[in-house]
């Protein structure tokens, strides 16, 4: 369904401007503040999905949705890894884990993943 895939693209783009990670003292970060290259990839993939929707290539849009899911999963895992490795200078593992846990994921990721899943699993026909 074309409209549902379009809603998925809108959710992906809108979710990238929502708070994705909370870093103490610094505040909330969206996708652009998190990593500009990954944000540009996200926007490029969303634009490609819009092109696929406009030309009625459902399978192409589903592939882009799958790639976006992988990109978002990679970004979440990389963010958590970076938080743990950032505090590697501390001598005790418990201190590292405690400080790394202060870097938290925010609700914007739910919108990002919902948009990508909507693009991926949009039904074929109207119900």
C-alpha atoms as a PDB file:
ATOM      1  CA  UNK A   1       0.000   0.000   0.000  1.00  0.00           C
ATOM      2  CA  UNK A   2       1.546   3.204  -1.215  1.00  0.00           C
ATOM      3  CA  UNK A   3       0.201   5.455   1.542  1.00  0.00           C
ATOM      4  CA  UNK A   4       1.423   3.197   4.325  1.00  0.00           C
ATOM      5  CA  UNK A   5       4.938   3.114   2.883  1.00  0.00           C
ATOM      6  CA  UNK A   6       4.832   6.909   2.588  1.00  0.00           C
ATOM      7  CA  UNK A   7       3.861   7.137   6.268  1.00  0.00           C
ATOM      8  CA  UNK A   8       6.851   4.893   7.051  1.00  0.00           C
ATOM      9  CA  UNK A   9       9.223   7.245   5.198  1.00  0.00           C
ATOM     10  CA  UNK A  10       7.738  10.236   7.019  1.00  0.00           C
ATOM     11  CA  UNK A  11       8.213   8.459  10.367  1.00  0.00           C
ATOM     12  CA  UNK A  12      11.844   7.668   9.543  1.00  0.00           C
ATOM     13  CA  UNK A  13      12.627  11.271   8.591  1.00  0.00           C
ATOM     14  CA  UNK A  14      10.669  12.742  11.511  1.00  0.00           C
ATOM     15  CA  UNK A  15      12.250  10.277  13.942  1.00  0.00           C
ATOM     16  CA  UNK A  16      15.721  11.417  12.970  1.00  0.00           C
ATOM     17  CA  UNK A  17      14.944  14.872  14.399  1.00  0.00           C
ATOM     18  CA  UNK A  18      13.599  13.500  17.687  1.00  0.00           C
ATOM     19  CA  UNK A  19      15.828  12.844  20.719  1.00  0.00           C
ATOM     20  CA  UNK A  20      17.601   9.524  20.190  1.00  0.00           C
ATOM     21  CA  UNK A  21      20.328   9.509  22.862  1.00  0.00           C
ATOM     22  CA  UNK A  22      20.587  11.340  26.169  1.00  0.00           C
ATOM     23  CA  UNK A  23      24.103  12.222  27.245  1.00  0.00           C
ATOM     24  CA  UNK A  24      24.388  13.617  30.786  1.00  0.00           C
ATOM     25  CA  UNK A  25      25.365  17.297  31.040  1.00  0.00           C
ATOM     26  CA  UNK A  26      25.304  17.659  27.220  1.00  0.00           C
ATOM     27  CA  UNK A  27      21.624  16.798  26.730  1.00  0.00           C
ATOM     28  CA  UNK A  28      19.644  14.996  24.046  1.00  0.00           C
ATOM     29  CA  UNK A  29      21.087  14.173  20.651  1.00  0.00           C
ATOM     30  CA  UNK A  30      19.213  13.575  17.427  1.00  0.00           C
ATOM     31  CA  UNK A  31      20.584  11.591  14.483  1.00  0.00           C
ATOM     32  CA  UNK A  32      22.535  14.550  13.082  1.00  0.00           C
ATOM     33  CA  UNK A  33      24.329  15.227  16.381  1.00  0.00           C
ATOM     34  CA  UNK A  34      24.936  11.526  16.898  1.00  0.00           C
ATOM     35  CA  UNK A  35      26.756  10.951  13.599  1.00  0.00           C
ATOM     36  CA  UNK A  36      26.426  13.131  10.522  1.00  0.00           C
ATOM     37  CA  UNK A  37      27.478  10.426   8.050  1.00  0.00           C
ATOM     38  CA  UNK A  38      24.873   7.985   9.334  1.00  0.00           C
ATOM     39  CA  UNK A  39      22.258  10.737   9.289  1.00  0.00           C
ATOM     40  CA  UNK A  40      23.107  11.514   5.659  1.00  0.00           C
ATOM     41  CA  UNK A  41      22.783   7.803   4.830  1.00  0.00           C
ATOM     42  CA  UNK A  42      19.386   7.761   6.525  1.00  0.00           C
ATOM     43  CA  UNK A  43      18.202  10.805   4.556  1.00  0.00           C
ATOM     44  CA  UNK A  44      19.571   9.403   1.298  1.00  0.00           C
ATOM     45  CA  UNK A  45      17.825   6.073   1.867  1.00  0.00           C
ATOM     46  CA  UNK A  46      14.586   7.895   2.726  1.00  0.00           C
ATOM     47  CA  UNK A  47      14.862   9.898  -0.508  1.00  0.00           C
ATOM     48  CA  UNK A  48      15.470   6.690  -2.448  1.00  0.00           C
ATOM     49  CA  UNK A  49      12.401   5.155  -0.806  1.00  0.00           C
ATOM     50  CA  UNK A  50      10.363   8.213  -1.824  1.00  0.00           C
ATOM     51  CA  UNK A  51      11.537   7.672  -5.392  1.00  0.00           C
ATOM     52  CA  UNK A  52      10.499   4.029  -5.146  1.00  0.00           C
ATOM     53  CA  UNK A  53       7.082   5.015  -3.842  1.00  0.00           C
ATOM     54  CA  UNK A  54       6.640   7.579  -6.622  1.00  0.00           C
ATOM     55  CA  UNK A  55       7.540   5.035  -9.305  1.00  0.00           C
ATOM     56  CA  UNK A  56       5.448   2.297  -7.610  1.00  0.00           C
ATOM     57  CA  UNK A  57       8.347  -0.115  -6.929  1.00  0.00           C
ATOM     58  CA  UNK A  58       7.122  -1.791  -3.739  1.00  0.00           C
ATOM     59  CA  UNK A  59       9.927  -4.350  -3.582  1.00  0.00           C
ATOM     60  CA  UNK A  60      12.570  -1.594  -3.803  1.00  0.00           C
ATOM     61  CA  UNK A  61      10.916   0.273  -0.919  1.00  0.00           C
ATOM     62  CA  UNK A  62      10.853  -2.928   1.137  1.00  0.00           C
ATOM     63  CA  UNK A  63      14.574  -3.434   0.501  1.00  0.00           C
ATOM     64  CA  UNK A  64      15.249   0.161   1.598  1.00  0.00           C
ATOM     65  CA  UNK A  65      13.162  -0.485   4.738  1.00  0.00           C
ATOM     66  CA  UNK A  66      15.312  -3.519   5.534  1.00  0.00           C
ATOM     67  CA  UNK A  67      18.505  -1.542   4.970  1.00  0.00           C
ATOM     68  CA  UNK A  68      17.186   1.195   7.271  1.00  0.00           C
ATOM     69  CA  UNK A  69      16.446  -1.390   9.972  1.00  0.00           C
ATOM     70  CA  UNK A  70      20.013  -2.664   9.723  1.00  0.00           C
ATOM     71  CA  UNK A  71      21.346   0.914   9.807  1.00  0.00           C
ATOM     72  CA  UNK A  72      19.329   1.756  12.925  1.00  0.00           C
ATOM     73  CA  UNK A  73      20.325  -1.458  14.677  1.00  0.00           C
ATOM     74  CA  UNK A  74      23.976  -0.814  13.824  1.00  0.00           C
ATOM     75  CA  UNK A  75      23.697   2.747  15.136  1.00  0.00           C
ATOM     76  CA  UNK A  76      22.134   1.652  18.435  1.00  0.00           C
ATOM     77  CA  UNK A  77      24.803  -0.999  18.982  1.00  0.00           C
ATOM     78  CA  UNK A  78      27.586   1.414  18.023  1.00  0.00           C
ATOM     79  CA  UNK A  79      26.227   4.033  20.418  1.00  0.00           C
ATOM     80  CA  UNK A  80      26.210   1.575  23.306  1.00  0.00           C
ATOM     81  CA  UNK A  81      29.694   0.322  22.403  1.00  0.00           C
ATOM     82  CA  UNK A  82      31.033   3.863  22.171  1.00  0.00           C
ATOM     83  CA  UNK A  83      29.576   4.694  25.587  1.00  0.00           C
ATOM     84  CA  UNK A  84      31.372   1.698  27.131  1.00  0.00           C
ATOM     85  CA  UNK A  85      34.668   2.365  25.369  1.00  0.00           C
ATOM     86  CA  UNK A  86      34.578   6.099  26.164  1.00  0.00           C
ATOM     87  CA  UNK A  87      35.003   5.345  29.863  1.00  0.00           C
ATOM     88  CA  UNK A  88      37.716   2.710  29.353  1.00  0.00           C
ATOM     89  CA  UNK A  89      40.274   4.873  31.172  1.00  0.00           C
ATOM     90  CA  UNK A  90      38.600   4.109  34.515  1.00  0.00           C
ATOM     91  CA  UNK A  91      40.381   1.440  36.555  1.00  0.00           C
ATOM     92  CA  UNK A  92      37.330  -0.501  37.763  1.00  0.00           C
ATOM     93  CA  UNK A  93      34.851  -2.248  35.512  1.00  0.00           C
ATOM     94  CA  UNK A  94      31.919  -1.360  37.764  1.00  0.00           C
ATOM     95  CA  UNK A  95      32.697   2.352  37.389  1.00  0.00           C
ATOM     96  CA  UNK A  96      32.844   2.006  33.601  1.00  0.00           C
ATOM     97  CA  UNK A  97      29.519   0.182  33.498  1.00  0.00           C
ATOM     98  CA  UNK A  98      27.867   2.700  35.810  1.00  0.00           C
ATOM     99  CA  UNK A  99      29.017   5.715  33.808  1.00  0.00           C
ATOM    100  CA  UNK A 100      28.255   4.066  30.473  1.00  0.00           C
ATOM    101  CA  UNK A 101      24.722   3.335  31.696  1.00  0.00           C
ATOM    102  CA  UNK A 102      24.144   7.075  32.107  1.00  0.00           C
ATOM    103  CA  UNK A 103      24.154   7.397  28.303  1.00  0.00           C
ATOM    104  CA  UNK A 104      20.590   6.291  27.573  1.00  0.00           C
ATOM    105  CA  UNK A 105      18.560   5.690  24.453  1.00  0.00           C
ATOM    106  CA  UNK A 106      15.467   7.876  24.066  1.00  0.00           C
ATOM    107  CA  UNK A 107      12.009   7.402  22.570  1.00  0.00           C
ATOM    108  CA  UNK A 108      12.978   8.643  19.096  1.00  0.00           C
ATOM    109  CA  UNK A 109      14.353   5.202  18.253  1.00  0.00           C
ATOM    110  CA  UNK A 110      10.856   3.732  18.543  1.00  0.00           C
ATOM    111  CA  UNK A 111       9.652   6.136  15.839  1.00  0.00           C
ATOM    112  CA  UNK A 112      12.655   5.311  13.640  1.00  0.00           C
ATOM    113  CA  UNK A 113      12.144   1.555  13.927  1.00  0.00           C
ATOM    114  CA  UNK A 114       8.364   1.886  13.499  1.00  0.00           C
ATOM    115  CA  UNK A 115       8.863   3.797  10.252  1.00  0.00           C
ATOM    116  CA  UNK A 116      11.319   1.237   8.865  1.00  0.00           C
ATOM    117  CA  UNK A 117       9.105  -1.698   9.875  1.00  0.00           C
ATOM    118  CA  UNK A 118       6.093   0.027   8.300  1.00  0.00           C
ATOM    119  CA  UNK A 119       8.016   0.398   5.050  1.00  0.00           C
ATOM    120  CA  UNK A 120       9.115  -3.231   5.211  1.00  0.00           C
ATOM    121  CA  UNK A 121       5.796  -4.870   6.061  1.00  0.00           C
ATOM    122  CA  UNK A 122       3.280  -2.662   4.238  1.00  0.00           C
ATOM    123  CA  UNK A 123       0.496  -4.875   2.835  1.00  0.00           C
ATOM    124  CA  UNK A 124       0.200  -5.511  -0.879  1.00  0.00           C
ATOM    125  CA  UNK A 125      -3.413  -4.454  -1.345  1.00  0.00           C
ATOM    126  CA  UNK A 126      -5.992  -2.393   0.459  1.00  0.00           C
ATOM    127  CA  UNK A 127      -7.894  -4.301   3.090  1.00  0.00           C
END
